[in-house]
Amino acid sequence: MVSIRMREDVVEDLKRVAPLLGFSGYQPLMRAYIGQGLRADLARLEQRADLTRLVESLRRQGISEEVLATAIAEAQSAYEM
């Protein structure tokens, strides 16, 4: 069991929103929010790891740093969208 401190107004907002989203209470809603955020962050981190492995492979194959830098900038701007 874990306890976290949270501002009262946030808890009140969670209590108000939870039933509107079909949750039995604010705690299941908090768990859902945490789970969604965690999965999204893990996916982003995996994408970065995949990009890093790809860039290293391209370097070994002789692709220029200029081309790599351009490709990385394009890929990162796509992640931000």
C-alpha atoms as a PDB file:
ATOM      1  CA  MET A   1       0.000   0.000   0.000  1.00  0.00           C
ATOM      2  CA  VAL A   2       1.284   3.461  -0.903  1.00  0.00           C
ATOM      3  CA  SER A   3       0.130   6.828   0.374  1.00  0.00           C
ATOM      4  CA  ILE A   4       0.635  10.075  -1.500  1.00  0.00           C
ATOM      5  CA  ARG A   5      -0.018  13.645  -0.493  1.00  0.00           C
ATOM      6  CA  MET A   6      -2.193  15.603  -2.857  1.00  0.00           C
ATOM      7  CA  ARG A   7      -3.798  19.015  -2.695  1.00  0.00           C
ATOM      8  CA  GLU A   8      -7.390  18.912  -1.489  1.00  0.00           C
ATOM      9  CA  ASP A   9      -8.723  20.730  -4.546  1.00  0.00           C
ATOM     10  CA  VAL A  10      -7.189  18.058  -6.800  1.00  0.00           C
ATOM     11  CA  VAL A  11      -8.820  15.295  -4.774  1.00  0.00           C
ATOM     12  CA  GLU A  12     -12.161  17.123  -4.928  1.00  0.00           C
ATOM     13  CA  ASP A  13     -11.827  17.441  -8.714  1.00  0.00           C
ATOM     14  CA  LEU A  14     -11.019  13.731  -8.978  1.00  0.00           C
ATOM     15  CA  LYS A  15     -14.091  12.903  -6.872  1.00  0.00           C
ATOM     16  CA  ARG A  16     -16.237  15.060  -9.146  1.00  0.00           C
ATOM     17  CA  VAL A  17     -14.860  13.644 -12.405  1.00  0.00           C
ATOM     18  CA  ALA A  18     -14.637   9.958 -11.437  1.00  0.00           C
ATOM     19  CA  PRO A  19     -18.346   9.090 -11.694  1.00  0.00           C
ATOM     20  CA  LEU A  20     -18.679  11.063 -14.919  1.00  0.00           C
ATOM     21  CA  LEU A  21     -16.004   8.804 -16.443  1.00  0.00           C
ATOM     22  CA  GLY A  22     -17.591   5.647 -15.079  1.00  0.00           C
ATOM     23  CA  PHE A  23     -15.263   5.064 -12.128  1.00  0.00           C
ATOM     24  CA  SER A  24     -16.555   3.893  -8.752  1.00  0.00           C
ATOM     25  CA  GLY A  25     -14.426   6.458  -6.927  1.00  0.00           C
ATOM     26  CA  TYR A  26     -11.496   8.802  -7.199  1.00  0.00           C
ATOM     27  CA  GLN A  27      -8.849   6.210  -6.295  1.00  0.00           C
ATOM     28  CA  PRO A  28      -9.556   3.942  -9.298  1.00  0.00           C
ATOM     29  CA  LEU A  29      -9.466   7.059 -11.476  1.00  0.00           C
ATOM     30  CA  MET A  30      -6.070   8.023 -10.018  1.00  0.00           C
ATOM     31  CA  ARG A  31      -4.760   4.507 -10.715  1.00  0.00           C
ATOM     32  CA  ALA A  32      -6.028   4.768 -14.296  1.00  0.00           C
ATOM     33  CA  TYR A  33      -4.357   8.166 -14.781  1.00  0.00           C
ATOM     34  CA  ILE A  34      -1.061   6.881 -13.359  1.00  0.00           C
ATOM     35  CA  GLY A  35      -1.204   3.737 -15.504  1.00  0.00           C
ATOM     36  CA  GLN A  36      -1.933   5.720 -18.679  1.00  0.00           C
ATOM     37  CA  GLY A  37       0.885   8.161 -17.997  1.00  0.00           C
ATOM     38  CA  LEU A  38       3.321   5.379 -17.201  1.00  0.00           C
ATOM     39  CA  ARG A  39       2.471   3.447 -20.382  1.00  0.00           C
ATOM     40  CA  ALA A  40       2.847   6.600 -22.489  1.00  0.00           C
ATOM     41  CA  ASP A  41       6.247   7.390 -20.941  1.00  0.00           C
ATOM     42  CA  LEU A  42       7.455   3.811 -21.387  1.00  0.00           C
ATOM     43  CA  ALA A  43       6.421   3.887 -25.056  1.00  0.00           C
ATOM     44  CA  ARG A  44       8.270   7.197 -25.589  1.00  0.00           C
ATOM     45  CA  LEU A  45      11.388   5.839 -23.898  1.00  0.00           C
ATOM     46  CA  GLU A  46      11.293   2.706 -26.046  1.00  0.00           C
ATOM     47  CA  GLN A  47      10.953   4.839 -29.181  1.00  0.00           C
ATOM     48  CA  ARG A  48      14.023   6.811 -28.124  1.00  0.00           C
ATOM     49  CA  ALA A  49      15.948   3.591 -27.524  1.00  0.00           C
ATOM     50  CA  ASP A  50      14.906   2.323 -30.960  1.00  0.00           C
ATOM     51  CA  LEU A  51      16.021   5.613 -32.514  1.00  0.00           C
ATOM     52  CA  THR A  52      19.371   5.435 -30.728  1.00  0.00           C
ATOM     53  CA  ARG A  53      19.984   1.882 -31.967  1.00  0.00           C
ATOM     54  CA  LEU A  54      19.062   2.905 -35.513  1.00  0.00           C
ATOM     55  CA  VAL A  55      21.373   5.929 -35.454  1.00  0.00           C
ATOM     56  CA  GLU A  56      24.270   3.833 -34.161  1.00  0.00           C
ATOM     57  CA  SER A  57      23.682   1.294 -36.925  1.00  0.00           C
ATOM     58  CA  LEU A  58      23.614   4.031 -39.562  1.00  0.00           C
ATOM     59  CA  ARG A  59      26.858   5.506 -38.184  1.00  0.00           C
ATOM     60  CA  ARG A  60      28.545   2.118 -38.485  1.00  0.00           C
ATOM     61  CA  GLN A  61      27.374   1.998 -42.105  1.00  0.00           C
ATOM     62  CA  GLY A  62      29.013   5.342 -42.832  1.00  0.00           C
ATOM     63  CA  ILE A  63      26.045   7.728 -42.930  1.00  0.00           C
ATOM     64  CA  SER A  64      27.309  11.259 -42.364  1.00  0.00           C
ATOM     65  CA  GLU A  65      26.718  13.091 -39.085  1.00  0.00           C
ATOM     66  CA  GLU A  66      25.000  15.898 -41.003  1.00  0.00           C
ATOM     67  CA  VAL A  67      22.423  13.526 -42.488  1.00  0.00           C
ATOM     68  CA  LEU A  68      21.954  11.838 -39.115  1.00  0.00           C
ATOM     69  CA  ALA A  69      21.447  15.171 -37.341  1.00  0.00           C
ATOM     70  CA  THR A  70      18.793  16.200 -39.851  1.00  0.00           C
ATOM     71  CA  ALA A  71      16.998  12.860 -39.548  1.00  0.00           C
ATOM     72  CA  ILE A  72      17.110  12.962 -35.744  1.00  0.00           C
ATOM     73  CA  ALA A  73      15.669  16.491 -35.688  1.00  0.00           C
ATOM     74  CA  GLU A  74      12.838  15.408 -37.989  1.00  0.00           C
ATOM     75  CA  ALA A  75      12.107  12.334 -35.884  1.00  0.00           C
ATOM     76  CA  GLN A  76      12.096  14.294 -32.630  1.00  0.00           C
ATOM     77  CA  SER A  77       9.701  16.903 -34.026  1.00  0.00           C
ATOM     78  CA  ALA A  78       7.362  14.076 -35.046  1.00  0.00           C
ATOM     79  CA  TYR A  79       7.412  12.712 -31.456  1.00  0.00           C
ATOM     80  CA  GLU A  80       6.430  16.132 -30.119  1.00  0.00           C
ATOM     81  CA  MET A  81       3.267  16.298 -32.222  1.00  0.00           C
END
